[in-house]
PDB file of N, CA and C in Angstrom:
ATOM      1  N   MET A   1      -0.421-140.312-142.768  1.00  0.00           N
ATOM      2  CA  MET A   1      -0.109-140.195-143.871  1.00  0.00           C
ATOM      3  C   MET A   1       0.773-141.232-144.541  1.00  0.00           C
ATOM      4  N   THR A   2       0.372-141.397-145.832  1.00  0.00           N
ATOM      5  CA  THR A   2       1.306-142.519-146.565  1.00  0.00           C
ATOM      6  C   THR A   2       2.286-142.329-147.134  1.00  0.00           C
ATOM      7  N   LYS A   3       3.545-143.059-146.761  1.00  0.00           N
ATOM      8  CA  LYS A   3       4.769-142.983-147.695  1.00  0.00           C
ATOM      9  C   LYS A   3       4.641-143.187-149.182  1.00  0.00           C
ATOM     10  N   LYS A   4       5.350-142.518-149.756  1.00  0.00           N
ATOM     11  CA  LYS A   4       5.521-143.060-151.127  1.00  0.00           C
ATOM     12  C   LYS A   4       6.639-143.778-151.245  1.00  0.00           C
ATOM     13  N   ARG A   5       6.507-144.696-151.919  1.00  0.00           N
ATOM     14  CA  ARG A   5       7.270-146.090-151.905  1.00  0.00           C
ATOM     15  C   ARG A   5       8.077-146.110-153.352  1.00  0.00           C
ATOM     16  N   GLU A   6       9.139-146.637-153.466  1.00  0.00           N
ATOM     17  CA  GLU A   6      10.004-146.556-154.854  1.00  0.00           C
ATOM     18  C   GLU A   6      10.526-147.965-154.760  1.00  0.00           C
ATOM     19  N   LYS A   7      10.323-148.818-155.757  1.00  0.00           N
ATOM     20  CA  LYS A   7      10.736-150.009-155.847  1.00  0.00           C
ATOM     21  C   LYS A   7      12.441-149.977-156.280  1.00  0.00           C
ATOM     22  N   PHE A   8      13.125-151.023-155.517  1.00  0.00           N
ATOM     23  CA  PHE A   8      14.630-151.074-155.988  1.00  0.00           C
ATOM     24  C   PHE A   8      15.141-152.254-155.616  1.00  0.00           C
ATOM     25  N   SER A   9      16.333-153.243-156.531  1.00  0.00           N
ATOM     26  CA  SER A   9      16.867-154.115-155.757  1.00  0.00           C
ATOM     27  C   SER A   9      18.094-153.910-155.524  1.00  0.00           C
ATOM     28  N   THR A  10      18.269-155.412-154.605  1.00  0.00           N
ATOM     29  CA  THR A  10      19.520-155.283-154.216  1.00  0.00           C
ATOM     30  C   THR A  10      19.754-156.949-153.582  1.00  0.00           C
ATOM     31  N   GLN A  11      20.929-156.953-153.361  1.00  0.00           N
ATOM     32  CA  GLN A  11      21.272-158.353-152.987  1.00  0.00           C
ATOM     33  C   GLN A  11      21.959-158.390-151.757  1.00  0.00           C
ATOM     34  N   MET A  12      21.935-159.762-150.901  1.00  0.00           N
ATOM     35  CA  MET A  12      22.494-160.182-149.829  1.00  0.00           C
ATOM     36  C   MET A  12      22.865-161.190-149.317  1.00  0.00           C
ATOM     37  N   ASP A  13      23.972-161.224-148.823  1.00  0.00           N
ATOM     38  CA  ASP A  13      24.305-163.094-148.571  1.00  0.00           C
ATOM     39  C   ASP A  13      23.017-164.039-148.227  1.00  0.00           C
ATOM     40  N   SER A  14      23.163-165.154-149.070  1.00  0.00           N
ATOM     41  CA  SER A  14      21.791-165.840-148.864  1.00  0.00           C
ATOM     42  C   SER A  14      21.646-166.323-147.271  1.00  0.00           C
ATOM     43  N   LYS A  15      22.393-166.755-146.613  1.00  0.00           N
ATOM     44  CA  LYS A  15      22.360-167.044-145.060  1.00  0.00           C
ATOM     45  C   LYS A  15      21.317-165.996-144.520  1.00  0.00           C
ATOM     46  N   LEU A  16      22.058-164.549-144.439  1.00  0.00           N
ATOM     47  CA  LEU A  16      21.692-163.242-143.680  1.00  0.00           C
ATOM     48  C   LEU A  16      19.943-163.227-144.555  1.00  0.00           C
ATOM     49  N   LEU A  17      19.858-163.511-145.446  1.00  0.00           N
ATOM     50  CA  LEU A  17      18.302-163.231-146.430  1.00  0.00           C
ATOM     51  C   LEU A  17      17.547-164.176-145.709  1.00  0.00           C
ATOM     52  N   LYS A  18      17.771-165.554-145.543  1.00  0.00           N
ATOM     53  CA  LYS A  18      16.947-166.293-145.079  1.00  0.00           C
ATOM     54  C   LYS A  18      16.754-166.257-143.401  1.00  0.00           C
ATOM     55  N   GLU A  19      17.694-165.545-142.810  1.00  0.00           N
ATOM     56  CA  GLU A  19      17.546-165.227-141.494  1.00  0.00           C
ATOM     57  C   GLU A  19      16.636-164.199-141.195  1.00  0.00           C
ATOM     58  N   LEU A  20      16.753-163.054-142.353  1.00  0.00           N
ATOM     59  CA  LEU A  20      15.564-162.126-142.381  1.00  0.00           C
ATOM     60  C   LEU A  20      14.482-162.628-142.497  1.00  0.00           C
ATOM     61  N   LYS A  21      14.359-163.343-143.629  1.00  0.00           N
ATOM     62  CA  LYS A  21      12.495-163.873-143.769  1.00  0.00           C
ATOM     63  C   LYS A  21      12.408-164.713-142.575  1.00  0.00           C
ATOM     64  N   ASP A  22      13.301-165.425-142.117  1.00  0.00           N
ATOM     65  CA  ASP A  22      12.563-165.944-140.687  1.00  0.00           C
ATOM     66  C   ASP A  22      12.034-165.292-139.536  1.00  0.00           C
ATOM     67  N   LEU A  23      12.558-164.388-139.535  1.00  0.00           N
ATOM     68  CA  LEU A  23      12.414-163.085-138.678  1.00  0.00           C
ATOM     69  C   LEU A  23      10.980-162.605-138.802  1.00  0.00           C
ATOM     70  N   ALA A  24      11.023-161.887-139.943  1.00  0.00           N
ATOM     71  CA  ALA A  24       9.822-161.376-140.545  1.00  0.00           C
ATOM     72  C   ALA A  24       8.885-162.306-140.372  1.00  0.00           C
ATOM     73  N   LYS A  25       8.724-163.557-140.698  1.00  0.00           N
ATOM     74  CA  LYS A  25       7.590-164.515-140.453  1.00  0.00           C
ATOM     75  C   LYS A  25       7.243-164.689-138.972  1.00  0.00           C
ATOM     76  N   SER A  26       8.304-164.711-138.166  1.00  0.00           N
ATOM     77  CA  SER A  26       8.136-165.090-136.669  1.00  0.00           C
ATOM     78  C   SER A  26       7.402-163.827-136.225  1.00  0.00           C
ATOM     79  N   GLU A  27       7.715-162.458-136.457  1.00  0.00           N
ATOM     80  CA  GLU A  27       7.284-161.311-136.485  1.00  0.00           C
ATOM     81  C   GLU A  27       5.844-160.997-137.084  1.00  0.00           C
ATOM     82  N   GLY A  28       5.756-161.600-137.604  1.00  0.00           N
ATOM     83  CA  GLY A  28       4.289-161.276-138.749  1.00  0.00           C
ATOM     84  C   GLY A  28       4.425-160.351-139.575  1.00  0.00           C
ATOM     85  N   ARG A  29       5.486-159.792-140.137  1.00  0.00           N
ATOM     86  CA  ARG A  29       5.592-158.736-140.571  1.00  0.00           C
ATOM     87  C   ARG A  29       6.451-159.076-142.185  1.00  0.00           C
ATOM     88  N   GLN A  30       6.349-157.868-142.937  1.00  0.00           N
ATOM     89  CA  GLN A  30       6.784-158.149-144.544  1.00  0.00           C
ATOM     90  C   GLN A  30       8.410-157.922-144.192  1.00  0.00           C
ATOM     91  N   ILE A  31       9.291-158.138-144.991  1.00  0.00           N
ATOM     92  CA  ILE A  31      10.602-157.819-145.261  1.00  0.00           C
ATOM     93  C   ILE A  31      11.310-156.817-145.208  1.00  0.00           C
ATOM     94  N   GLN A  32       9.916-155.766-146.193  1.00  0.00           N
ATOM     95  CA  GLN A  32      10.060-154.604-146.508  1.00  0.00           C
ATOM     96  C   GLN A  32      10.009-153.477-145.457  1.00  0.00           C
ATOM     97  N   SER A  33       9.440-153.970-144.619  1.00  0.00           N
ATOM     98  CA  SER A  33       8.974-153.177-143.330  1.00  0.00           C
ATOM     99  C   SER A  33      10.244-153.164-142.100  1.00  0.00           C
ATOM    100  N   ILE A  34      10.700-154.437-142.139  1.00  0.00           N
ATOM    101  CA  ILE A  34      11.975-154.712-141.552  1.00  0.00           C
ATOM    102  C   ILE A  34      13.223-153.893-142.155  1.00  0.00           C
ATOM    103  N   VAL A  35      13.283-154.211-143.644  1.00  0.00           N
ATOM    104  CA  VAL A  35      14.487-153.343-144.191  1.00  0.00           C
ATOM    105  C   VAL A  35      14.463-152.103-143.966  1.00  0.00           C
ATOM    106  N   GLU A  36      13.156-151.331-144.057  1.00  0.00           N
ATOM    107  CA  GLU A  36      12.895-150.050-144.060  1.00  0.00           C
ATOM    108  C   GLU A  36      13.534-149.432-142.759  1.00  0.00           C
ATOM    109  N   GLU A  37      12.847-150.062-141.881  1.00  0.00           N
ATOM    110  CA  GLU A  37      13.385-149.824-140.420  1.00  0.00           C
ATOM    111  C   GLU A  37      14.702-149.925-140.124  1.00  0.00           C
ATOM    112  N   ALA A  38      15.633-150.724-140.541  1.00  0.00           N
ATOM    113  CA  ALA A  38      16.878-150.763-140.356  1.00  0.00           C
ATOM    114  C   ALA A  38      17.946-149.643-141.218  1.00  0.00           C
ATOM    115  N   VAL A  39      17.277-149.372-142.442  1.00  0.00           N
ATOM    116  CA  VAL A  39      17.823-148.390-142.873  1.00  0.00           C
ATOM    117  C   VAL A  39      17.429-147.126-142.434  1.00  0.00           C
ATOM    118  N   GLU A  40      16.264-146.663-141.854  1.00  0.00           N
ATOM    119  CA  GLU A  40      16.027-145.507-141.225  1.00  0.00           C
ATOM    120  C   GLU A  40      17.013-145.670-139.975  1.00  0.00           C
ATOM    121  N   GLU A  41      17.408-146.593-139.145  1.00  0.00           N
ATOM    122  CA  GLU A  41      17.985-146.373-138.283  1.00  0.00           C
ATOM    123  C   GLU A  41      19.640-145.923-138.572  1.00  0.00           C
ATOM    124  N   TYR A  42      19.994-146.503-139.687  1.00  0.00           N
ATOM    125  CA  TYR A  42      21.342-146.456-140.085  1.00  0.00           C
ATOM    126  C   TYR A  42      21.665-145.164-140.507  1.00  0.00           C
ATOM    127  N   VAL A  43      20.466-144.754-141.395  1.00  0.00           N
ATOM    128  CA  VAL A  43      20.613-143.460-141.927  1.00  0.00           C
ATOM    129  C   VAL A  43      21.074-142.129-140.680  1.00  0.00           C
ATOM    130  N   ALA A  44      19.891-142.222-139.817  1.00  0.00           N
ATOM    131  CA  ALA A  44      19.507-141.742-138.629  1.00  0.00           C
ATOM    132  C   ALA A  44      20.989-141.319-137.827  1.00  0.00           C
ATOM    133  N   GLU A  45      21.817-142.502-137.569  1.00  0.00           N
ATOM    134  CA  GLU A  45      22.788-142.778-137.165  1.00  0.00           C
ATOM    135  C   GLU A  45      23.979-141.944-137.773  1.00  0.00           C
ATOM    136  N   ASN A  46      23.930-142.266-138.906  1.00  0.00           N
ATOM    137  CA  ASN A  46      25.592-141.622-139.840  1.00  0.00           C
ATOM    138  C   ASN A  46      25.298-140.357-140.479  1.00  0.00           C
ATOM    139  N   THR A  47      23.901-139.986-140.573  1.00  0.00           N
ATOM    140  CA  THR A  47      24.151-138.457-141.024  1.00  0.00           C
ATOM    141  C   THR A  47      23.948-137.233-140.005  1.00  0.00           C
ATOM    142  N   GLY A  48      24.057-137.537-138.888  1.00  0.00           N
ATOM    143  CA  GLY A  48      24.040-136.608-137.654  1.00  0.00           C
ATOM    144  C   GLY A  48      25.497-136.085-137.684  1.00  0.00           C
ATOM    145  N   TYR A  49      25.297-134.978-136.643  1.00  0.00           N
ATOM    146  CA  TYR A  49      26.570-134.435-136.232  1.00  0.00           C
ATOM    147  C   TYR A  49      27.474-135.364-135.839  1.00  0.00           C
ATOM    148  N   LYS A  50      28.673-135.247-136.337  1.00  0.00           N
ATOM    149  CA  LYS A  50      29.889-136.059-135.753  1.00  0.00           C
ATOM    150  C   LYS A  50      30.851-135.226-135.527  1.00  0.00           C
ATOM    151  N   MET A  51      31.526-135.494-134.036  1.00  0.00           N
ATOM    152  CA  MET A  51      32.187-134.897-133.514  1.00  0.00           C
ATOM    153  C   MET A  51      33.710-134.942-133.887  1.00  0.00           C
ATOM    154  N   HIS A  52      34.436-133.881-134.134  1.00  0.00           N
ATOM    155  CA  HIS A  52      35.844-134.232-134.680  1.00  0.00           C
ATOM    156  C   HIS A  52      36.581-135.279-133.378  1.00  0.00           C
ATOM    157  N   PRO A  53      37.456-136.028-133.530  1.00  0.00           N
ATOM    158  CA  PRO A  53      38.017-136.553-132.921  1.00  0.00           C
ATOM    159  C   PRO A  53      39.040-136.086-131.798  1.00  0.00           C
ATOM    160  N   GLU A  54      39.444-135.051-132.333  1.00  0.00           N
ATOM    161  CA  GLU A  54      40.307-134.322-131.261  1.00  0.00           C
ATOM    162  C   GLU A  54      39.601-133.610-130.296  1.00  0.00           C
ATOM    163  N   ILE A  55      38.544-132.866-130.506  1.00  0.00           N
ATOM    164  CA  ILE A  55      37.454-132.244-130.001  1.00  0.00           C
ATOM    165  C   ILE A  55      36.680-133.288-129.104  1.00  0.00           C
ATOM    166  N   LYS A  56      36.408-134.170-129.562  1.00  0.00           N
ATOM    167  CA  LYS A  56      36.050-135.464-128.514  1.00  0.00           C
ATOM    168  C   LYS A  56      36.707-135.718-127.383  1.00  0.00           C
ATOM    169  N   LYS A  57      38.245-136.001-127.871  1.00  0.00           N
ATOM    170  CA  LYS A  57      39.221-136.183-126.454  1.00  0.00           C
ATOM    171  C   LYS A  57      39.427-134.650-125.494  1.00  0.00           C
ATOM    172  N   ALA A  58      39.320-133.847-126.298  1.00  0.00           N
ATOM    173  CA  ALA A  58      39.513-132.481-125.201  1.00  0.00           C
ATOM    174  C   ALA A  58      37.942-132.648-124.301  1.00  0.00           C
ATOM    175  N   TYR A  59      36.662-132.991-124.872  1.00  0.00           N
ATOM    176  CA  TYR A  59      35.731-132.958-124.359  1.00  0.00           C
ATOM    177  C   TYR A  59      35.552-134.212-122.923  1.00  0.00           C
ATOM    178  N   ALA A  60      36.083-135.144-123.274  1.00  0.00           N
ATOM    179  CA  ALA A  60      36.575-136.433-122.286  1.00  0.00           C
ATOM    180  C   ALA A  60      37.354-135.634-121.299  1.00  0.00           C
ATOM    181  N   ARG A  61      38.404-134.948-121.555  1.00  0.00           N
ATOM    182  CA  ARG A  61      39.350-134.670-120.602  1.00  0.00           C
ATOM    183  C   ARG A  61      38.719-133.547-119.782  1.00  0.00           C
ATOM    184  N   SER A  62      38.244-132.784-120.434  1.00  0.00           N
ATOM    185  CA  SER A  62      36.976-131.554-119.316  1.00  0.00           C
ATOM    186  C   SER A  62      36.270-132.396-118.809  1.00  0.00           C
ATOM    187  N   ILE A  63      35.481-133.451-118.912  1.00  0.00           N
ATOM    188  CA  ILE A  63      34.369-134.071-117.994  1.00  0.00           C
ATOM    189  C   ILE A  63      35.381-134.525-117.214  1.00  0.00           C
ATOM    190  N   ASP A  64      36.650-135.438-117.518  1.00  0.00           N
ATOM    191  CA  ASP A  64      37.411-136.164-116.026  1.00  0.00           C
ATOM    192  C   ASP A  64      37.632-134.962-115.075  1.00  0.00           C
ATOM    193  N   ARG A  65      38.367-133.706-115.482  1.00  0.00           N
ATOM    194  CA  ARG A  65      39.011-133.005-114.683  1.00  0.00           C
ATOM    195  C   ARG A  65      37.689-132.155-114.092  1.00  0.00           C
ATOM    196  N   PHE A  66      36.599-131.627-114.638  1.00  0.00           N
ATOM    197  CA  PHE A  66      35.490-130.448-114.114  1.00  0.00           C
ATOM    198  C   PHE A  66      34.279-131.252-113.517  1.00  0.00           C
ATOM    199  N   ASP A  67      34.294-132.696-113.840  1.00  0.00           N
ATOM    200  CA  ASP A  67      32.969-133.323-113.474  1.00  0.00           C
ATOM    201  C   ASP A  67      32.301-132.585-112.261  1.00  0.00           C
ATOM    202  N   SER A  68      32.899-132.349-111.269  1.00  0.00           N
ATOM    203  CA  SER A  68      32.414-131.923-109.713  1.00  0.00           C
ATOM    204  C   SER A  68      31.932-130.829-109.897  1.00  0.00           C
ATOM    205  N   LEU A  69      32.578-129.558-110.945  1.00  0.00           N
ATOM    206  CA  LEU A  69      32.231-128.315-110.832  1.00  0.00           C
ATOM    207  C   LEU A  69      30.927-128.302-111.820  1.00  0.00           C
ATOM    208  N   TYR A  70      31.182-129.174-112.991  1.00  0.00           N
ATOM    209  CA  TYR A  70      29.747-129.213-113.846  1.00  0.00           C
ATOM    210  C   TYR A  70      28.559-129.458-113.125  1.00  0.00           C
ATOM    211  N   GLU A  71      28.640-130.706-112.426  1.00  0.00           N
ATOM    212  CA  GLU A  71      27.616-130.958-111.468  1.00  0.00           C
ATOM    213  C   GLU A  71      27.130-129.781-110.291  1.00  0.00           C
ATOM    214  N   LYS A  72      27.988-129.124-109.915  1.00  0.00           N
ATOM    215  CA  LYS A  72      27.482-128.100-109.310  1.00  0.00           C
ATOM    216  C   LYS A  72      26.745-126.730-109.775  1.00  0.00           C
ATOM    217  N   LEU A  73      27.573-126.637-110.788  1.00  0.00           N
ATOM    218  CA  LEU A  73      26.957-125.834-112.010  1.00  0.00           C
ATOM    219  C   LEU A  73      25.523-125.795-112.633  1.00  0.00           C
ATOM    220  N   ALA A  74      25.366-127.263-112.343  1.00  0.00           N
ATOM    221  CA  ALA A  74      23.873-127.729-112.607  1.00  0.00           C
ATOM    222  C   ALA A  74      22.718-127.763-112.165  1.00  0.00           C
ATOM    223  N   LYS A  75      23.203-127.538-110.758  1.00  0.00           N
ATOM    224  CA  LYS A  75      21.838-127.166-109.654  1.00  0.00           C
ATOM    225  C   LYS A  75      21.624-125.893-109.594  1.00  0.00           C
TER     226      LYS A  75
END
């Protein structure tokens, strides 16, 4: 399946752009494929479920306190 592509333009630090071009050349890839891959990863990491910090702390405390029990229950 071919992806529908749309042109857009942006700017970036000139040193970073040179590094990107060098990397693309060394990997035999086009810059657009590297940028698209990086953006896909960024979007995936930043659009998923985010646990509230207080819930995350409570979860960590629970794991610390009941780890052996959870292991027994998993068997």
